[in-house]
Amino acid sequence: MTRKAVALISGGLDSLLATKVIQQQGIHVEGINFFTGFCVEGHTHAIRKQEKPKRNNALWVAEQLGIKLHIIDIVDEYKNIVINPKHGYGANLNPCLDCKIFMVHKAKQWIQDHGFDFIITGEVSGQRPMSQRKKNLPMVADESGAEDLLLRPLCAKSLAPTKPEREGWVDRAQLYDFSGRSRKPQIALANELGIEDFAQPAGGCCFLTDASYSIKLRDLWDNRGDRHYELDDIMLLKVGRHIRPDPSFKLIIAREEGETQFLSGYKNQFQSIKTISHGGPISLIDGPQLDPQQIELACAITARFSKGRDAEQVELRYCRPNGECQSLHVKALSADDIPKQWTLV
């Protein structure tokens, strides 16, 4: 009887290796990638000019492994993990331990619904300061409900045997005892397995681990007065230069052509500003309808990032979401006129 496992595929090297190791033992493996909204590599790569390959790493890993990948939307369910993490945040707004417990729990439900036998993750004991501490690994298995159906091939030999090992579904002798933060063992194993191309080993695409992104998310929550967010909110936090000149509104200013095109798609949802007399970016305004003084300030800030920054005047068009527009002529603010505290890094 061929045993079946589902692997949590992040797109990184560890999940690729863990899956490959189990595949080599004759196990049928399929992958799961959970879509939270906070890890959208293809979105960022497609908008901005980068040397990094424009690919979804989870899909790419599944292709290299020759496995079926199930992408599961958990955006709404995941909100409570981000807003109220039982085990708290990491260095930024990353609820890593709660996240891992939640995803393994969802995987446990999936294997029950689809007749699979166990779950694989690429976790390594001691690799990450929150979700992969050795003392927290049993907590993930316990609180997720997966218990000993959760197999971690890269560090299994340093942990108690799981059911797949005890029952002989997999050979424990062919598993590993990697530990700590060094990635040298994984890279050596990749070389041994003939894997030459993989995502940045110490990477991870979750924007909640990024300090600048977390600052913008905190700002969003603080100025809205609650910790609510929608998918559009978290996508827009990844794009543009964010400037808050007033607690009541924020500007999202495109930094390059791709961002201008992307932000233009939101003109029917947000107030917007576009330079007319000079080349320049589009700005979206996140907040209630601006008064005339606020509109003039927003235009002067936008003009600062246009080719008319040194001109006597710049013509801009301010538009409401309903399509009503007005033209304004303003002088661009200087760099000194934009206090550092307005800019959300």
C-alpha atoms as a PDB file:
ATOM      1  CA  MET A   1       0.000   0.000   0.000  1.00  0.00           C
ATOM      2  CA  THR A   2       1.427   3.360  -1.015  1.00  0.00           C
ATOM      3  CA  ARG A   3       1.265   5.852   1.827  1.00  0.00           C
ATOM      4  CA  LYS A   4       0.319   9.446   1.094  1.00  0.00           C
ATOM      5  CA  ALA A   5       1.613  12.617   2.695  1.00  0.00           C
ATOM      6  CA  VAL A   6       0.864  16.282   2.254  1.00  0.00           C
ATOM      7  CA  ALA A   7       3.748  18.757   2.473  1.00  0.00           C
ATOM      8  CA  LEU A   8       3.482  22.388   3.518  1.00  0.00           C
ATOM      9  CA  ILE A   9       5.199  24.127   0.595  1.00  0.00           C
ATOM     10  CA  SER A  10       6.414  27.644   1.309  1.00  0.00           C
ATOM     11  CA  GLY A  11       8.629  27.933  -1.741  1.00  0.00           C
ATOM     12  CA  GLY A  12      11.846  27.863   0.245  1.00  0.00           C
ATOM     13  CA  LEU A  13      14.668  25.362   0.296  1.00  0.00           C
ATOM     14  CA  ASP A  14      13.623  23.544   3.473  1.00  0.00           C
ATOM     15  CA  SER A  15      10.185  22.462   2.295  1.00  0.00           C
ATOM     16  CA  LEU A  16      11.689  21.447  -1.051  1.00  0.00           C
ATOM     17  CA  LEU A  17      14.273  19.231   0.671  1.00  0.00           C
ATOM     18  CA  ALA A  18      11.832  17.744   3.181  1.00  0.00           C
ATOM     19  CA  THR A  19       9.480  16.739   0.398  1.00  0.00           C
ATOM     20  CA  LYS A  20      12.257  15.309  -1.777  1.00  0.00           C
ATOM     21  CA  VAL A  21      13.569  13.189   1.108  1.00  0.00           C
ATOM     22  CA  ILE A  22      10.120  11.631   1.652  1.00  0.00           C
ATOM     23  CA  GLN A  23       9.484  11.184  -2.075  1.00  0.00           C
ATOM     24  CA  GLN A  24      12.676   9.142  -2.281  1.00  0.00           C
ATOM     25  CA  GLN A  25      11.131   6.647   0.140  1.00  0.00           C
ATOM     26  CA  GLY A  26       8.306   5.889  -2.273  1.00  0.00           C
ATOM     27  CA  ILE A  27       5.687   8.035  -0.538  1.00  0.00           C
ATOM     28  CA  HIS A  28       3.088   9.803  -2.691  1.00  0.00           C
ATOM     29  CA  VAL A  29       3.359  13.479  -1.799  1.00  0.00           C
ATOM     30  CA  GLU A  30       1.148  16.428  -2.679  1.00  0.00           C
ATOM     31  CA  GLY A  31       1.697  20.002  -1.542  1.00  0.00           C
ATOM     32  CA  ILE A  32      -0.337  22.670   0.189  1.00  0.00           C
ATOM     33  CA  ASN A  33       0.386  26.378   0.016  1.00  0.00           C
ATOM     34  CA  PHE A  34      -1.778  28.606   2.188  1.00  0.00           C
ATOM     35  CA  PHE A  35      -2.615  32.036   0.744  1.00  0.00           C
ATOM     36  CA  THR A  36      -2.727  34.582   3.583  1.00  0.00           C
ATOM     37  CA  GLY A  37      -2.276  37.710   1.461  1.00  0.00           C
ATOM     38  CA  PHE A  38       1.028  38.493   3.169  1.00  0.00           C
ATOM     39  CA  CYS A  39       3.208  36.394   0.865  1.00  0.00           C
ATOM     40  CA  VAL A  40       2.550  37.400  -2.726  1.00  0.00           C
ATOM     41  CA  GLU A  41       5.910  37.173  -4.461  1.00  0.00           C
ATOM     42  CA  GLY A  42       4.573  37.276  -8.003  1.00  0.00           C
ATOM     43  CA  HIS A  43       2.625  40.466  -7.236  1.00  0.00           C
ATOM     44  CA  THR A  44       5.674  42.394  -6.043  1.00  0.00           C
ATOM     45  CA  HIS A  45       7.995  41.015  -8.715  1.00  0.00           C
ATOM     46  CA  ALA A  46       5.579  41.871 -11.510  1.00  0.00           C
ATOM     47  CA  ILE A  47       5.070  45.477 -10.387  1.00  0.00           C
ATOM     48  CA  ARG A  48       8.601  46.553  -9.558  1.00  0.00           C
ATOM     49  CA  LYS A  49      11.753  46.333 -11.663  1.00  0.00           C
ATOM     50  CA  GLN A  50      13.888  43.693  -9.986  1.00  0.00           C
ATOM     51  CA  GLU A  51      16.608  41.314 -11.005  1.00  0.00           C
ATOM     52  CA  LYS A  52      14.929  38.573  -8.976  1.00  0.00           C
ATOM     53  CA  PRO A  53      13.040  36.032 -11.138  1.00  0.00           C
ATOM     54  CA  LYS A  54       9.351  36.816 -11.549  1.00  0.00           C
ATOM     55  CA  ARG A  55       8.011  33.538 -10.243  1.00  0.00           C
ATOM     56  CA  ASN A  56       5.819  32.137  -7.520  1.00  0.00           C
ATOM     57  CA  ASN A  57       8.323  30.043  -5.606  1.00  0.00           C
ATOM     58  CA  ALA A  58       5.744  27.620  -4.178  1.00  0.00           C
ATOM     59  CA  LEU A  59       4.495  26.782  -7.677  1.00  0.00           C
ATOM     60  CA  TRP A  60       8.069  26.566  -8.927  1.00  0.00           C
ATOM     61  CA  VAL A  61       9.057  24.147  -6.118  1.00  0.00           C
ATOM     62  CA  ALA A  62       6.032  21.952  -6.847  1.00  0.00           C
ATOM     63  CA  GLU A  63       7.040  21.878 -10.513  1.00  0.00           C
ATOM     64  CA  GLN A  64      10.610  20.842  -9.641  1.00  0.00           C
ATOM     65  CA  LEU A  65       9.309  18.083  -7.385  1.00  0.00           C
ATOM     66  CA  GLY A  66       6.681  16.947  -9.870  1.00  0.00           C
ATOM     67  CA  ILE A  67       3.889  17.156  -7.312  1.00  0.00           C
ATOM     68  CA  LYS A  68       0.392  18.564  -7.315  1.00  0.00           C
ATOM     69  CA  LEU A  69       0.107  21.811  -5.353  1.00  0.00           C
ATOM     70  CA  HIS A  70      -3.139  22.838  -3.650  1.00  0.00           C
ATOM     71  CA  ILE A  71      -3.297  26.598  -3.070  1.00  0.00           C
ATOM     72  CA  ILE A  72      -5.809  27.292  -0.303  1.00  0.00           C
ATOM     73  CA  ASP A  73      -7.197  30.767   0.415  1.00  0.00           C
ATOM     74  CA  ILE A  74      -7.212  31.438   4.168  1.00  0.00           C
ATOM     75  CA  VAL A  75      -7.238  35.268   4.024  1.00  0.00           C
ATOM     76  CA  ASP A  76     -10.351  35.716   6.169  1.00  0.00           C
ATOM     77  CA  GLU A  77      -9.582  32.930   8.652  1.00  0.00           C
ATOM     78  CA  TYR A  78      -6.034  34.186   9.038  1.00  0.00           C
ATOM     79  CA  LYS A  79      -7.064  37.652  10.181  1.00  0.00           C
ATOM     80  CA  ASN A  80      -7.579  36.506  13.758  1.00  0.00           C
ATOM     81  CA  ILE A  81      -4.066  35.024  13.784  1.00  0.00           C
ATOM     82  CA  VAL A  82      -2.589  38.382  12.742  1.00  0.00           C
ATOM     83  CA  ILE A  83      -4.780  40.516  14.983  1.00  0.00           C
ATOM     84  CA  ASN A  84      -4.889  38.366  18.139  1.00  0.00           C
ATOM     85  CA  PRO A  85      -1.963  35.914  18.219  1.00  0.00           C
ATOM     86  CA  LYS A  86      -2.175  33.749  21.325  1.00  0.00           C
ATOM     87  CA  HIS A  87       1.600  33.371  21.470  1.00  0.00           C
ATOM     88  CA  GLY A  88       2.389  36.975  20.494  1.00  0.00           C
ATOM     89  CA  TYR A  89       4.503  38.514  17.762  1.00  0.00           C
ATOM     90  CA  GLY A  90       8.112  38.053  16.765  1.00  0.00           C
ATOM     91  CA  ALA A  91      10.446  40.977  16.154  1.00  0.00           C
ATOM     92  CA  ASN A  92       7.805  42.725  14.019  1.00  0.00           C
ATOM     93  CA  LEU A  93       4.133  41.832  13.438  1.00  0.00           C
ATOM     94  CA  ASN A  94       4.909  38.211  12.613  1.00  0.00           C
ATOM     95  CA  PRO A  95       2.772  35.762  14.627  1.00  0.00           C
ATOM     96  CA  CYS A  96       5.058  32.884  13.616  1.00  0.00           C
ATOM     97  CA  LEU A  97       4.164  30.324  16.268  1.00  0.00           C
ATOM     98  CA  ASP A  98       0.411  30.880  15.941  1.00  0.00           C
ATOM     99  CA  CYS A  99       0.811  30.833  12.156  1.00  0.00           C
ATOM    100  CA  LYS A 100       2.564  27.462  12.147  1.00  0.00           C
ATOM    101  CA  ILE A 101       0.015  25.949  14.535  1.00  0.00           C
ATOM    102  CA  PHE A 102      -2.845  27.249  12.393  1.00  0.00           C
ATOM    103  CA  MET A 103      -1.409  25.969   9.115  1.00  0.00           C
ATOM    104  CA  VAL A 104      -0.601  22.527  10.505  1.00  0.00           C
ATOM    105  CA  HIS A 105      -4.139  22.406  11.920  1.00  0.00           C
ATOM    106  CA  LYS A 106      -5.542  23.210   8.464  1.00  0.00           C
ATOM    107  CA  ALA A 107      -3.288  20.530   6.965  1.00  0.00           C
ATOM    108  CA  LYS A 108      -4.604  18.005   9.521  1.00  0.00           C
ATOM    109  CA  GLN A 109      -8.156  18.791   8.397  1.00  0.00           C
ATOM    110  CA  TRP A 110      -7.045  18.419   4.782  1.00  0.00           C
ATOM    111  CA  ILE A 111      -5.519  14.943   5.203  1.00  0.00           C
ATOM    112  CA  GLN A 112      -8.659  13.776   7.002  1.00  0.00           C
ATOM    113  CA  ASP A 113     -10.843  15.062   4.172  1.00  0.00           C
ATOM    114  CA  HIS A 114      -8.657  13.598   1.405  1.00  0.00           C
ATOM    115  CA  GLY A 115      -7.570  10.274   2.833  1.00  0.00           C
ATOM    116  CA  PHE A 116      -3.885  11.087   3.293  1.00  0.00           C
ATOM    117  CA  ASP A 117      -1.764   9.583   6.052  1.00  0.00           C
ATOM    118  CA  PHE A 118       0.519  12.266   7.459  1.00  0.00           C
ATOM    119  CA  ILE A 119       1.926  15.793   7.180  1.00  0.00           C
ATOM    120  CA  ILE A 120       5.436  16.955   6.215  1.00  0.00           C
ATOM    121  CA  THR A 121       7.027  20.297   7.053  1.00  0.00           C
ATOM    122  CA  GLY A 122      10.504  21.639   6.400  1.00  0.00           C
ATOM    123  CA  GLU A 123      11.017  22.799   9.984  1.00  0.00           C
ATOM    124  CA  VAL A 124      14.471  22.543  11.540  1.00  0.00           C
ATOM    125  CA  SER A 125      14.925  22.548  15.317  1.00  0.00           C
ATOM    126  CA  GLY A 126      16.370  25.849  16.514  1.00  0.00           C
ATOM    127  CA  GLN A 127      16.377  27.473  13.091  1.00  0.00           C
ATOM    128  CA  ARG A 128      13.902  30.233  13.792  1.00  0.00           C
ATOM    129  CA  PRO A 129      13.647  32.073  17.106  1.00  0.00           C
ATOM    130  CA  MET A 130       9.899  31.713  17.534  1.00  0.00           C
ATOM    131  CA  SER A 131       8.165  28.891  15.689  1.00  0.00           C
ATOM    132  CA  GLN A 132      11.105  26.484  15.477  1.00  0.00           C
ATOM    133  CA  ARG A 133      12.561  26.519  18.973  1.00  0.00           C
ATOM    134  CA  LYS A 134      13.017  22.930  20.064  1.00  0.00           C
ATOM    135  CA  LYS A 135      10.684  23.427  23.036  1.00  0.00           C
ATOM    136  CA  ASN A 136       7.986  24.852  20.710  1.00  0.00           C
ATOM    137  CA  LEU A 137       8.011  22.039  18.159  1.00  0.00           C
ATOM    138  CA  PRO A 138       5.907  19.710  20.387  1.00  0.00           C
ATOM    139  CA  MET A 139       3.541  22.640  21.001  1.00  0.00           C
ATOM    140  CA  VAL A 140       2.892  22.952  17.258  1.00  0.00           C
ATOM    141  CA  ALA A 141       2.080  19.251  16.994  1.00  0.00           C
ATOM    142  CA  ASP A 142      -0.105  19.334  20.107  1.00  0.00           C
ATOM    143  CA  GLU A 143      -2.064  22.575  19.629  1.00  0.00           C
ATOM    144  CA  SER A 144      -2.635  21.936  15.918  1.00  0.00           C
ATOM    145  CA  GLY A 145      -4.160  18.535  16.643  1.00  0.00           C
ATOM    146  CA  ALA A 146      -1.724  16.858  14.262  1.00  0.00           C
ATOM    147  CA  GLU A 147       0.178  15.200  17.127  1.00  0.00           C
ATOM    148  CA  ASP A 148       2.428  12.398  15.829  1.00  0.00           C
ATOM    149  CA  LEU A 149       1.108  12.625  12.272  1.00  0.00           C
ATOM    150  CA  LEU A 150       3.427  15.627  11.839  1.00  0.00           C
ATOM    151  CA  LEU A 151       6.809  14.566  10.430  1.00  0.00           C
ATOM    152  CA  ARG A 152       9.762  16.926  10.118  1.00  0.00           C
ATOM    153  CA  PRO A 153      12.228  15.015   7.889  1.00  0.00           C
ATOM    154  CA  LEU A 154      15.104  17.484   8.264  1.00  0.00           C
ATOM    155  CA  CYS A 155      15.290  17.243  12.063  1.00  0.00           C
ATOM    156  CA  ALA A 156      13.337  14.032  12.791  1.00  0.00           C
ATOM    157  CA  LYS A 157      16.306  12.187  14.314  1.00  0.00           C
ATOM    158  CA  SER A 158      16.575  14.800  17.064  1.00  0.00           C
ATOM    159  CA  LEU A 159      12.891  14.390  17.970  1.00  0.00           C
ATOM    160  CA  ALA A 160      10.767  11.531  19.256  1.00  0.00           C
ATOM    161  CA  PRO A 161       9.708   9.090  16.524  1.00  0.00           C
ATOM    162  CA  THR A 162       6.380   9.896  14.904  1.00  0.00           C
ATOM    163  CA  LYS A 163       3.713   7.467  13.772  1.00  0.00           C
ATOM    164  CA  PRO A 164       5.026   7.294  10.164  1.00  0.00           C
ATOM    165  CA  GLU A 165       8.398   6.249  11.590  1.00  0.00           C
ATOM    166  CA  ARG A 166       7.069   3.821  14.201  1.00  0.00           C
ATOM    167  CA  GLU A 167       4.741   2.147  11.717  1.00  0.00           C
ATOM    168  CA  GLY A 168       7.484   1.768   9.128  1.00  0.00           C
ATOM    169  CA  TRP A 169       5.847   4.018   6.542  1.00  0.00           C
ATOM    170  CA  VAL A 170       9.164   5.875   6.350  1.00  0.00           C
ATOM    171  CA  ASP A 171      12.680   4.784   7.283  1.00  0.00           C
ATOM    172  CA  ARG A 172      13.909   6.947  10.166  1.00  0.00           C
ATOM    173  CA  ALA A 173      17.498   6.063   9.249  1.00  0.00           C
ATOM    174  CA  GLN A 174      17.086   8.025   6.003  1.00  0.00           C
ATOM    175  CA  LEU A 175      15.927  11.188   7.805  1.00  0.00           C
ATOM    176  CA  TYR A 176      18.136  13.938   9.272  1.00  0.00           C
ATOM    177  CA  ASP A 177      19.023  15.660  12.539  1.00  0.00           C
ATOM    178  CA  PHE A 178      19.680  19.216  11.341  1.00  0.00           C
ATOM    179  CA  SER A 179      19.541  21.893  14.027  1.00  0.00           C
ATOM    180  CA  GLY A 180      20.444  25.514  14.563  1.00  0.00           C
ATOM    181  CA  ARG A 181      20.443  28.532  12.301  1.00  0.00           C
ATOM    182  CA  SER A 182      23.258  27.535   9.940  1.00  0.00           C
ATOM    183  CA  ARG A 183      21.994  26.670   6.477  1.00  0.00           C
ATOM    184  CA  LYS A 184      25.122  24.763   5.480  1.00  0.00           C
ATOM    185  CA  PRO A 185      23.576  21.304   6.097  1.00  0.00           C
ATOM    186  CA  GLN A 186      20.588  22.124   3.890  1.00  0.00           C
ATOM    187  CA  ILE A 187      22.774  23.490   1.112  1.00  0.00           C
ATOM    188  CA  ALA A 188      25.000  20.412   1.308  1.00  0.00           C
ATOM    189  CA  LEU A 189      21.926  18.169   1.072  1.00  0.00           C
ATOM    190  CA  ALA A 190      20.649  20.186  -1.890  1.00  0.00           C
ATOM    191  CA  ASN A 191      23.977  19.614  -3.653  1.00  0.00           C
ATOM    192  CA  GLU A 192      23.808  15.901  -2.834  1.00  0.00           C
ATOM    193  CA  LEU A 193      20.309  15.688  -4.301  1.00  0.00           C
ATOM    194  CA  GLY A 194      21.320  17.612  -7.421  1.00  0.00           C
ATOM    195  CA  ILE A 195      19.224  20.683  -6.541  1.00  0.00           C
ATOM    196  CA  GLU A 196      21.020  23.739  -7.897  1.00  0.00           C
ATOM    197  CA  ASP A 197      18.316  26.410  -8.033  1.00  0.00           C
ATOM    198  CA  PHE A 198      16.241  27.402  -5.027  1.00  0.00           C
ATOM    199  CA  ALA A 199      14.874  30.469  -3.243  1.00  0.00           C
ATOM    200  CA  GLN A 200      17.193  32.397  -0.926  1.00  0.00           C
ATOM    201  CA  PRO A 201      17.922  29.845   1.806  1.00  0.00           C
ATOM    202  CA  ALA A 202      17.388  32.155   4.774  1.00  0.00           C
ATOM    203  CA  GLY A 203      14.457  33.836   3.087  1.00  0.00           C
ATOM    204  CA  GLY A 204      10.761  33.655   3.608  1.00  0.00           C
ATOM    205  CA  CYS A 205       8.278  35.822   1.785  1.00  0.00           C
ATOM    206  CA  CYS A 206       5.964  36.843   4.651  1.00  0.00           C
ATOM    207  CA  PHE A 207       5.806  40.620   4.762  1.00  0.00           C
ATOM    208  CA  LEU A 208       4.868  40.515   8.452  1.00  0.00           C
ATOM    209  CA  THR A 209       8.511  39.693   9.215  1.00  0.00           C
ATOM    210  CA  ASP A 210       9.606  42.912   7.481  1.00  0.00           C
ATOM    211  CA  ALA A 211      10.189  45.899   9.791  1.00  0.00           C
ATOM    212  CA  SER A 212       9.135  48.609   7.305  1.00  0.00           C
ATOM    213  CA  TYR A 213       5.991  46.727   6.328  1.00  0.00           C
ATOM    214  CA  SER A 214       5.068  46.262   9.990  1.00  0.00           C
ATOM    215  CA  ILE A 215       5.486  49.989  10.622  1.00  0.00           C
ATOM    216  CA  LYS A 216       2.983  50.708   7.833  1.00  0.00           C
ATOM    217  CA  LEU A 217       0.532  48.112   9.119  1.00  0.00           C
ATOM    218  CA  ARG A 218       0.732  49.502  12.667  1.00  0.00           C
ATOM    219  CA  ASP A 219       0.169  52.979  11.248  1.00  0.00           C
ATOM    220  CA  LEU A 220      -2.899  51.718   9.369  1.00  0.00           C
ATOM    221  CA  TRP A 221      -4.358  50.214  12.546  1.00  0.00           C
ATOM    222  CA  ASP A 222      -3.477  53.197  14.748  1.00  0.00           C
ATOM    223  CA  ASN A 223      -5.080  55.743  12.447  1.00  0.00           C
ATOM    224  CA  ARG A 224      -8.202  53.711  11.744  1.00  0.00           C
ATOM    225  CA  GLY A 225      -8.716  53.068  15.426  1.00  0.00           C
ATOM    226  CA  ASP A 226      -9.012  49.286  15.103  1.00  0.00           C
ATOM    227  CA  ARG A 227      -7.084  46.284  13.810  1.00  0.00           C
ATOM    228  CA  HIS A 228      -9.299  45.616  10.836  1.00  0.00           C
ATOM    229  CA  TYR A 229      -7.868  45.114   7.354  1.00  0.00           C
ATOM    230  CA  GLU A 230      -8.941  43.907   3.926  1.00  0.00           C
ATOM    231  CA  LEU A 231      -6.907  42.225   1.213  1.00  0.00           C
ATOM    232  CA  ASP A 232      -6.589  45.491  -0.734  1.00  0.00           C
ATOM    233  CA  ASP A 233      -5.112  47.137   2.366  1.00  0.00           C
ATOM    234  CA  ILE A 234      -2.353  44.594   2.783  1.00  0.00           C
ATOM    235  CA  MET A 235      -1.569  44.578  -0.944  1.00  0.00           C
ATOM    236  CA  LEU A 236      -1.275  48.384  -1.026  1.00  0.00           C
ATOM    237  CA  LEU A 237       1.074  48.395   1.965  1.00  0.00           C
ATOM    238  CA  LYS A 238       3.599  46.649  -0.303  1.00  0.00           C
ATOM    239  CA  VAL A 239       3.496  49.307  -2.995  1.00  0.00           C
ATOM    240  CA  GLY A 240       4.700  52.904  -3.216  1.00  0.00           C
ATOM    241  CA  ARG A 241       6.039  55.543  -0.868  1.00  0.00           C
ATOM    242  CA  HIS A 242       3.684  56.039   2.107  1.00  0.00           C
ATOM    243  CA  ILE A 243       3.466  59.559   3.562  1.00  0.00           C
ATOM    244  CA  ARG A 244       1.073  60.597   6.354  1.00  0.00           C
ATOM    245  CA  PRO A 245       0.999  64.408   6.709  1.00  0.00           C
ATOM    246  CA  ASP A 246      -2.096  64.267   8.904  1.00  0.00           C
ATOM    247  CA  PRO A 247      -3.632  61.567  11.133  1.00  0.00           C
ATOM    248  CA  SER A 248      -6.762  61.634   8.988  1.00  0.00           C
ATOM    249  CA  PHE A 249      -5.154  60.723   5.649  1.00  0.00           C
ATOM    250  CA  LYS A 250      -2.161  59.112   3.991  1.00  0.00           C
ATOM    251  CA  LEU A 251      -0.650  59.381   0.514  1.00  0.00           C
ATOM    252  CA  ILE A 252       0.550  56.318  -1.387  1.00  0.00           C
ATOM    253  CA  ILE A 253       2.895  57.647  -4.064  1.00  0.00           C
ATOM    254  CA  ALA A 254       4.132  55.469  -6.925  1.00  0.00           C
ATOM    255  CA  ARG A 255       7.907  55.134  -7.195  1.00  0.00           C
ATOM    256  CA  GLU A 256       8.154  53.800 -10.747  1.00  0.00           C
ATOM    257  CA  GLU A 257       6.109  53.065 -13.847  1.00  0.00           C
ATOM    258  CA  GLY A 258       4.916  49.630 -12.728  1.00  0.00           C
ATOM    259  CA  GLU A 259       3.632  51.027  -9.448  1.00  0.00           C
ATOM    260  CA  THR A 260       1.909  53.900 -11.275  1.00  0.00           C
ATOM    261  CA  GLN A 261       0.055  51.410 -13.458  1.00  0.00           C
ATOM    262  CA  PHE A 262      -0.891  49.261 -10.470  1.00  0.00           C
ATOM    263  CA  LEU A 263      -2.104  52.169  -8.309  1.00  0.00           C
ATOM    264  CA  SER A 264      -4.089  53.585 -11.265  1.00  0.00           C
ATOM    265  CA  GLY A 265      -6.314  50.531 -10.957  1.00  0.00           C
ATOM    266  CA  TYR A 266      -7.560  51.865  -7.609  1.00  0.00           C
ATOM    267  CA  LYS A 267      -8.727  55.289  -8.846  1.00  0.00           C
ATOM    268  CA  ASN A 268     -12.366  54.234  -8.545  1.00  0.00           C
ATOM    269  CA  GLN A 269     -11.863  53.342  -4.873  1.00  0.00           C
ATOM    270  CA  PHE A 270      -9.601  56.162  -3.653  1.00  0.00           C
ATOM    271  CA  GLN A 271      -9.115  59.876  -4.132  1.00  0.00           C
ATOM    272  CA  SER A 272      -6.142  60.318  -6.444  1.00  0.00           C
ATOM    273  CA  ILE A 273      -3.683  62.930  -7.697  1.00  0.00           C
ATOM    274  CA  LYS A 274      -1.746  62.914 -10.975  1.00  0.00           C
ATOM    275  CA  THR A 275       0.725  65.441 -12.322  1.00  0.00           C
ATOM    276  CA  ILE A 276      -0.299  67.023 -15.651  1.00  0.00           C
ATOM    277  CA  SER A 277       2.350  69.610 -16.557  1.00  0.00           C
ATOM    278  CA  HIS A 278       5.331  67.381 -15.764  1.00  0.00           C
ATOM    279  CA  GLY A 279       6.094  63.697 -15.698  1.00  0.00           C
ATOM    280  CA  GLY A 280       5.365  62.226 -12.328  1.00  0.00           C
ATOM    281  CA  PRO A 281       3.672  59.610 -10.220  1.00  0.00           C
ATOM    282  CA  ILE A 282       0.103  58.937  -9.278  1.00  0.00           C
ATOM    283  CA  SER A 283      -0.823  59.303  -5.614  1.00  0.00           C
ATOM    284  CA  LEU A 284      -3.705  57.568  -3.873  1.00  0.00           C
ATOM    285  CA  ILE A 285      -5.246  59.140  -0.798  1.00  0.00           C
ATOM    286  CA  ASP A 286      -6.260  56.749   1.957  1.00  0.00           C
ATOM    287  CA  GLY A 287      -8.741  58.554   4.158  1.00  0.00           C
ATOM    288  CA  PRO A 288     -11.973  60.581   4.074  1.00  0.00           C
ATOM    289  CA  GLN A 289     -12.622  63.266   1.487  1.00  0.00           C
ATOM    290  CA  LEU A 290     -10.039  66.010   1.843  1.00  0.00           C
ATOM    291  CA  ASP A 291     -10.840  69.663   2.440  1.00  0.00           C
ATOM    292  CA  PRO A 292      -9.336  72.296   0.073  1.00  0.00           C
ATOM    293  CA  GLN A 293      -6.308  72.946   2.289  1.00  0.00           C
ATOM    294  CA  GLN A 294      -5.556  69.231   2.559  1.00  0.00           C
ATOM    295  CA  ILE A 295      -5.937  68.775  -1.204  1.00  0.00           C
ATOM    296  CA  GLU A 296      -3.408  71.538  -1.849  1.00  0.00           C
ATOM    297  CA  LEU A 297      -0.957  69.974   0.623  1.00  0.00           C
ATOM    298  CA  ALA A 298      -1.382  66.528  -0.932  1.00  0.00           C
ATOM    299  CA  CYS A 299      -0.758  67.983  -4.390  1.00  0.00           C
ATOM    300  CA  ALA A 300       2.368  69.824  -3.212  1.00  0.00           C
ATOM    301  CA  ILE A 301       3.731  66.594  -1.729  1.00  0.00           C
ATOM    302  CA  THR A 302       2.997  64.673  -4.940  1.00  0.00           C
ATOM    303  CA  ALA A 303       4.677  67.409  -7.000  1.00  0.00           C
ATOM    304  CA  ARG A 304       7.816  66.946  -4.905  1.00  0.00           C
ATOM    305  CA  PHE A 305       8.229  63.484  -6.462  1.00  0.00           C
ATOM    306  CA  SER A 306       7.597  64.677 -10.036  1.00  0.00           C
ATOM    307  CA  LYS A 307       9.933  66.132 -12.649  1.00  0.00           C
ATOM    308  CA  GLY A 308       8.486  69.532 -11.741  1.00  0.00           C
ATOM    309  CA  ARG A 309       9.953  69.543  -8.234  1.00  0.00           C
ATOM    310  CA  ASP A 310      12.092  72.613  -9.105  1.00  0.00           C
ATOM    311  CA  ALA A 311       9.487  74.415 -11.240  1.00  0.00           C
ATOM    312  CA  GLU A 312       7.668  77.568 -10.169  1.00  0.00           C
ATOM    313  CA  GLN A 313       4.368  75.691 -10.410  1.00  0.00           C
ATOM    314  CA  VAL A 314       3.145  72.214 -11.218  1.00  0.00           C
ATOM    315  CA  GLU A 315      -0.288  71.444 -12.589  1.00  0.00           C
ATOM    316  CA  LEU A 316      -1.968  68.422 -11.032  1.00  0.00           C
ATOM    317  CA  ARG A 317      -5.402  66.833 -11.253  1.00  0.00           C
ATOM    318  CA  TYR A 318      -7.169  65.775  -8.057  1.00  0.00           C
ATOM    319  CA  CYS A 319     -10.000  63.275  -8.574  1.00  0.00           C
ATOM    320  CA  ARG A 320     -12.617  61.732  -6.332  1.00  0.00           C
ATOM    321  CA  PRO A 321     -13.625  58.083  -6.753  1.00  0.00           C
ATOM    322  CA  ASN A 322     -16.866  59.155  -8.474  1.00  0.00           C
ATOM    323  CA  GLY A 323     -14.852  60.682 -11.328  1.00  0.00           C
ATOM    324  CA  GLU A 324     -15.207  64.353 -10.327  1.00  0.00           C
ATOM    325  CA  CYS A 325     -11.879  66.077 -10.882  1.00  0.00           C
ATOM    326  CA  GLN A 326     -10.325  69.505 -10.451  1.00  0.00           C
ATOM    327  CA  SER A 327      -7.024  70.976 -11.588  1.00  0.00           C
ATOM    328  CA  LEU A 328      -4.658  72.724  -9.224  1.00  0.00           C
ATOM    329  CA  HIS A 329      -1.426  74.665  -9.711  1.00  0.00           C
ATOM    330  CA  VAL A 330       0.956  74.397  -6.768  1.00  0.00           C
ATOM    331  CA  LYS A 331       4.637  74.715  -5.970  1.00  0.00           C
ATOM    332  CA  ALA A 332       6.250  71.448  -4.977  1.00  0.00           C
ATOM    333  CA  LEU A 333       7.332  71.084  -1.391  1.00  0.00           C
ATOM    334  CA  SER A 334      11.054  70.854  -0.817  1.00  0.00           C
ATOM    335  CA  ALA A 335      12.613  67.891   0.939  1.00  0.00           C
ATOM    336  CA  ASP A 336      12.946  70.031   4.078  1.00  0.00           C
ATOM    337  CA  ASP A 337       9.204  70.749   3.973  1.00  0.00           C
ATOM    338  CA  ILE A 338       8.387  67.043   4.391  1.00  0.00           C
ATOM    339  CA  PRO A 339       9.234  66.109   7.984  1.00  0.00           C
ATOM    340  CA  LYS A 340      10.834  62.718   8.477  1.00  0.00           C
ATOM    341  CA  GLN A 341       7.996  61.602  10.726  1.00  0.00           C
ATOM    342  CA  TRP A 342       5.522  61.923   7.823  1.00  0.00           C
ATOM    343  CA  THR A 343       7.298  59.219   5.847  1.00  0.00           C
ATOM    344  CA  LEU A 344       6.517  55.635   6.815  1.00  0.00           C
ATOM    345  CA  VAL A 345       9.683  53.674   6.043  1.00  0.00           C
END
